[in-house]
Amino acid sequence: MVKDKQTVIQEFNELVNMSASDLETWLKEGSSESAGWSKSDGSGETIGHESGRKIIEILNKNPEKDPDKYEQDDIDHMRKVVAYCKRHLAQEEKAKQDPNSKSARSLKNWGHDPAKE
């Protein structure tokens, strides 16, 4: 069953616990590039790294988190972020125990810092 727009927005805002500036700083660190699957376009960027850049755009575009100001593309990406974060948080305790683990670095690329829980 597909989640409704309001649920996606609420869960995105709960799971993405990094500010746009924190996420931007993180994505500039070399360790952010060493977690996750590489994109198939040959750029060397990971899927999570690209996701992080999209999350920054969403956060900067709508800093008040007004549900009516999100576009469909935003909602579609927010849905991916929610699914990724929920799935990985449920599967990987290591992310919470070791902030330098690949799991923790990957989650940070998706806007969720497990050390902030």
Protein backbone atom coordinates (compact mmCIF):
# COMPACT_ATOMS: atom_id res chain seq x y z
CA MET A 1 0.00 0.00 0.00
CA VAL A 2 1.34 3.41 -0.99
CA LYS A 3 1.57 5.99 1.77
CA ASP A 4 -0.43 9.16 1.33
CA LYS A 5 1.31 12.50 0.77
CA GLN A 6 0.79 13.75 4.34
CA THR A 7 2.29 10.58 5.85
CA VAL A 8 5.32 10.79 3.55
CA ILE A 9 5.90 14.44 4.48
CA GLN A 10 5.54 13.74 8.21
CA GLU A 11 7.88 10.73 8.14
CA PHE A 12 10.43 12.56 5.97
CA ASN A 13 10.52 15.45 8.45
CA GLU A 14 10.94 13.01 11.34
CA LEU A 15 13.65 10.90 9.69
CA VAL A 16 15.70 13.65 8.08
CA ASN A 17 17.33 14.97 11.22
CA MET A 18 20.13 16.91 9.54
CA SER A 19 19.77 20.53 8.46
CA ALA A 20 20.50 21.50 4.88
CA SER A 21 23.79 23.10 5.96
CA ASP A 22 24.82 20.05 8.05
CA LEU A 23 24.05 17.75 5.14
CA GLU A 24 25.90 20.00 2.69
CA THR A 25 28.97 20.00 4.96
CA TRP A 26 28.77 16.21 5.33
CA LEU A 27 28.53 15.63 1.57
CA LYS A 28 31.77 17.59 1.08
CA GLU A 29 33.66 15.15 3.33
CA GLY A 30 35.50 12.33 1.62
CA SER A 31 33.96 9.72 3.92
CA SER A 32 30.50 10.54 2.55
CA GLU A 33 31.59 9.21 -0.84
CA SER A 34 32.77 5.85 0.47
CA ALA A 35 29.35 4.43 1.35
CA GLY A 36 26.66 3.13 -0.94
CA TRP A 37 26.14 2.00 -4.52
CA SER A 38 27.70 3.92 -7.38
CA LYS A 39 25.37 5.39 -9.97
CA SER A 40 25.43 3.72 -13.37
CA ASP A 41 26.32 6.92 -15.23
CA GLY A 42 30.06 6.53 -14.66
CA SER A 43 30.28 9.71 -12.54
CA GLY A 44 31.58 7.84 -9.49
CA GLU A 45 28.91 9.46 -7.31
CA THR A 46 26.85 7.14 -5.13
CA ILE A 47 23.07 7.00 -5.24
CA GLY A 48 22.92 8.15 -1.61
CA HIS A 49 25.22 11.10 -2.31
CA GLU A 50 22.94 12.21 -5.14
CA SER A 51 19.95 11.73 -2.83
CA GLY A 52 21.60 13.98 -0.25
CA ARG A 53 21.92 16.76 -2.81
CA LYS A 54 18.20 16.42 -3.63
CA ILE A 55 17.34 16.51 0.09
CA ILE A 56 19.30 19.76 0.45
CA GLU A 57 17.24 21.24 -2.41
CA ILE A 58 13.98 20.16 -0.74
CA LEU A 59 15.01 21.57 2.65
CA ASN A 60 16.22 24.87 1.19
CA LYS A 61 13.18 25.30 -1.05
CA ASN A 62 10.72 24.88 1.81
CA PRO A 63 12.43 25.70 5.14
CA GLU A 64 9.07 26.14 6.92
CA LYS A 65 8.12 22.57 5.86
CA ASP A 66 4.75 23.80 4.61
CA PRO A 67 3.03 20.68 3.18
CA ASP A 68 1.35 22.73 0.44
CA LYS A 69 4.67 23.98 -0.95
CA TYR A 70 6.11 20.59 -1.90
CA GLU A 71 6.00 19.67 -5.59
CA GLN A 72 5.30 16.13 -6.80
CA ASP A 73 9.01 15.57 -7.56
CA ASP A 74 9.77 16.50 -3.94
CA ILE A 75 7.16 14.06 -2.63
CA ASP A 76 8.50 11.30 -4.89
CA HIS A 77 12.03 11.75 -3.55
CA MET A 78 10.81 12.10 0.03
CA ARG A 79 9.06 8.75 -0.41
CA LYS A 80 12.39 7.16 -1.44
CA VAL A 81 14.17 8.73 1.52
CA VAL A 82 11.57 7.47 3.98
CA ALA A 83 11.69 3.94 2.55
CA TYR A 84 15.50 3.84 2.55
CA CYS A 85 15.92 5.20 6.08
CA LYS A 86 13.19 3.02 7.61
CA ARG A 87 14.52 -0.11 5.94
CA HIS A 88 18.12 0.49 6.97
CA LEU A 89 17.33 1.59 10.49
CA ALA A 90 15.29 -1.58 11.00
CA GLN A 91 18.06 -3.82 9.63
CA GLU A 92 21.24 -2.24 10.87
CA GLU A 93 21.94 -1.69 14.54
CA LYS A 94 25.58 -1.05 13.65
CA ALA A 95 24.70 2.41 12.35
CA LYS A 96 23.64 3.45 15.84
CA GLN A 97 26.62 1.81 17.55
CA ASP A 98 29.42 2.95 15.23
CA PRO A 99 29.14 6.43 13.68
CA ASN A 100 32.01 5.61 11.31
CA SER A 101 30.43 2.43 9.94
CA LYS A 102 29.44 2.23 6.30
CA SER A 103 25.80 1.98 7.43
CA ALA A 104 25.99 5.22 9.43
CA ARG A 105 27.76 7.06 6.61
CA SER A 106 25.19 5.84 4.11
CA LEU A 107 22.27 6.96 6.30
CA LYS A 108 23.87 10.39 6.67
CA ASN A 109 23.97 10.67 2.87
CA TRP A 110 20.19 10.19 3.03
CA GLY A 111 19.82 12.96 5.64
CA HIS A 112 19.61 10.82 8.77
CA ASP A 113 22.37 11.03 11.37
CA PRO A 114 21.99 7.94 13.63
CA ALA A 115 24.12 9.61 16.31
CA LYS A 116 21.37 12.23 16.80
CA GLU A 117 18.70 9.73 17.89
